[in-house]
C-alpha atoms as a PDB file:
ATOM      1  CA  UNK A   1     -21.438 453.988 -18.420  1.00  0.00           C
ATOM      2  CA  UNK A   2     -24.721 453.342 -18.788  1.00  0.00           C
ATOM      3  CA  UNK A   3     -26.961 451.302 -16.151  1.00  0.00           C
ATOM      4  CA  UNK A   4     -27.148 447.594 -17.793  1.00  0.00           C
ATOM      5  CA  UNK A   5     -30.897 447.500 -16.092  1.00  0.00           C
ATOM      6  CA  UNK A   6     -31.335 450.896 -18.022  1.00  0.00           C
ATOM      7  CA  UNK A   7     -30.604 449.176 -21.523  1.00  0.00           C
ATOM      8  CA  UNK A   8     -33.824 448.286 -23.455  1.00  0.00           C
ATOM      9  CA  UNK A   9     -34.179 445.800 -25.643  1.00  0.00           C
ATOM     10  CA  UNK A  10     -34.187 448.359 -28.594  1.00  0.00           C
ATOM     11  CA  UNK A  11     -30.328 449.411 -27.639  1.00  0.00           C
ATOM     12  CA  UNK A  12     -29.008 445.839 -27.915  1.00  0.00           C
ATOM     13  CA  UNK A  13     -31.066 445.613 -31.166  1.00  0.00           C
ATOM     14  CA  UNK A  14     -29.149 448.485 -32.673  1.00  0.00           C
ATOM     15  CA  UNK A  15     -25.820 446.725 -31.862  1.00  0.00           C
ATOM     16  CA  UNK A  16     -26.731 444.036 -34.295  1.00  0.00           C
ATOM     17  CA  UNK A  17     -24.743 445.342 -38.018  1.00  0.00           C
ATOM     18  CA  UNK A  18     -26.409 445.360 -41.063  1.00  0.00           C
ATOM     19  CA  UNK A  19     -24.111 442.953 -42.718  1.00  0.00           C
ATOM     20  CA  UNK A  20     -25.495 440.302 -40.069  1.00  0.00           C
ATOM     21  CA  UNK A  21     -28.984 440.667 -40.630  1.00  0.00           C
ATOM     22  CA  UNK A  22     -28.274 440.447 -44.366  1.00  0.00           C
ATOM     23  CA  UNK A  23     -26.040 437.282 -43.927  1.00  0.00           C
ATOM     24  CA  UNK A  24     -29.154 436.055 -41.701  1.00  0.00           C
ATOM     25  CA  UNK A  25     -31.549 436.363 -44.429  1.00  0.00           C
ATOM     26  CA  UNK A  26     -29.639 435.192 -46.832  1.00  0.00           C
ATOM     27  CA  UNK A  27     -29.325 431.876 -44.625  1.00  0.00           C
ATOM     28  CA  UNK A  28     -32.770 431.735 -44.196  1.00  0.00           C
ATOM     29  CA  UNK A  29     -33.238 431.776 -48.111  1.00  0.00           C
ATOM     30  CA  UNK A  30     -30.622 429.315 -48.528  1.00  0.00           C
ATOM     31  CA  UNK A  31     -32.003 426.845 -46.256  1.00  0.00           C
ATOM     32  CA  UNK A  32     -35.599 427.401 -47.448  1.00  0.00           C
ATOM     33  CA  UNK A  33     -34.370 426.422 -50.751  1.00  0.00           C
ATOM     34  CA  UNK A  34     -32.475 423.241 -49.644  1.00  0.00           C
ATOM     35  CA  UNK A  35     -35.465 421.960 -47.764  1.00  0.00           C
ATOM     36  CA  UNK A  36     -38.369 422.733 -50.386  1.00  0.00           C
ATOM     37  CA  UNK A  37     -36.338 422.156 -53.706  1.00  0.00           C
ATOM     38  CA  UNK A  38     -32.899 420.313 -53.130  1.00  0.00           C
ATOM     39  CA  UNK A  39     -33.427 417.759 -50.505  1.00  0.00           C
ATOM     40  CA  UNK A  40     -37.128 416.545 -52.065  1.00  0.00           C
ATOM     41  CA  UNK A  41     -35.029 415.769 -55.374  1.00  0.00           C
ATOM     42  CA  UNK A  42     -32.769 413.426 -53.704  1.00  0.00           C
ATOM     43  CA  UNK A  43     -35.017 411.160 -51.993  1.00  0.00           C
ATOM     44  CA  UNK A  44     -35.437 407.730 -53.324  1.00  0.00           C
ATOM     45  CA  UNK A  45     -38.673 406.943 -50.986  1.00  0.00           C
ATOM     46  CA  UNK A  46     -41.895 408.884 -50.115  1.00  0.00           C
ATOM     47  CA  UNK A  47     -41.421 412.087 -48.569  1.00  0.00           C
ATOM     48  CA  UNK A  48     -42.159 412.716 -44.564  1.00  0.00           C
ATOM     49  CA  UNK A  49     -45.420 414.190 -43.626  1.00  0.00           C
ATOM     50  CA  UNK A  50     -45.877 417.854 -44.179  1.00  0.00           C
ATOM     51  CA  UNK A  51     -45.762 418.433 -40.613  1.00  0.00           C
ATOM     52  CA  UNK A  52     -42.546 416.664 -39.932  1.00  0.00           C
ATOM     53  CA  UNK A  53     -41.321 418.919 -42.778  1.00  0.00           C
ATOM     54  CA  UNK A  54     -41.901 421.863 -41.401  1.00  0.00           C
ATOM     55  CA  UNK A  55     -40.833 420.683 -38.215  1.00  0.00           C
ATOM     56  CA  UNK A  56     -37.337 419.816 -39.376  1.00  0.00           C
ATOM     57  CA  UNK A  57     -37.450 423.458 -41.375  1.00  0.00           C
ATOM     58  CA  UNK A  58     -38.017 425.574 -38.982  1.00  0.00           C
ATOM     59  CA  UNK A  59     -35.582 424.049 -36.231  1.00  0.00           C
ATOM     60  CA  UNK A  60     -32.893 423.601 -39.282  1.00  0.00           C
ATOM     61  CA  UNK A  61     -33.271 427.390 -40.321  1.00  0.00           C
ATOM     62  CA  UNK A  62     -33.078 428.973 -36.924  1.00  0.00           C
ATOM     63  CA  UNK A  63     -29.798 427.935 -36.116  1.00  0.00           C
ATOM     64  CA  UNK A  64     -27.750 429.532 -38.790  1.00  0.00           C
ATOM     65  CA  UNK A  65     -29.731 432.770 -38.524  1.00  0.00           C
ATOM     66  CA  UNK A  66     -29.132 432.803 -34.902  1.00  0.00           C
ATOM     67  CA  UNK A  67     -25.473 432.193 -35.328  1.00  0.00           C
ATOM     68  CA  UNK A  68     -25.042 435.081 -37.987  1.00  0.00           C
ATOM     69  CA  UNK A  69     -26.747 437.423 -36.083  1.00  0.00           C
ATOM     70  CA  UNK A  70     -24.581 436.508 -32.639  1.00  0.00           C
ATOM     71  CA  UNK A  71     -21.634 436.490 -34.402  1.00  0.00           C
ATOM     72  CA  UNK A  72     -22.552 440.261 -35.865  1.00  0.00           C
ATOM     73  CA  UNK A  73     -23.807 441.395 -32.143  1.00  0.00           C
ATOM     74  CA  UNK A  74     -20.705 440.205 -30.780  1.00  0.00           C
ATOM     75  CA  UNK A  75     -18.444 441.725 -33.276  1.00  0.00           C
ATOM     76  CA  UNK A  76     -19.916 444.931 -32.801  1.00  0.00           C
ATOM     77  CA  UNK A  77     -20.166 444.984 -28.487  1.00  0.00           C
ATOM     78  CA  UNK A  78     -16.534 443.290 -28.111  1.00  0.00           C
ATOM     79  CA  UNK A  79     -15.120 446.613 -28.605  1.00  0.00           C
ATOM     80  CA  UNK A  80     -17.222 448.335 -26.790  1.00  0.00           C
ATOM     81  CA  UNK A  81     -16.596 446.120 -23.328  1.00  0.00           C
ATOM     82  CA  UNK A  82     -13.021 446.061 -24.154  1.00  0.00           C
END
């Protein structure tokens, strides 16, 4: 078993499966589509300033991508740790 301190970031990055990366990319595209296409059409008042829209977009798109990548990492790392 390798020493935990000798494992580099690249070794951990290789633990993320391809399906998880693809799903995270899809989540990114879907959140972008929602915030820039669907959400503005549903408003009955003026949209918030661009800076606030960018803040919400970045903060809300980060969560689904992070979640999918972590599920992929854990699904591949769990058998290794038994």
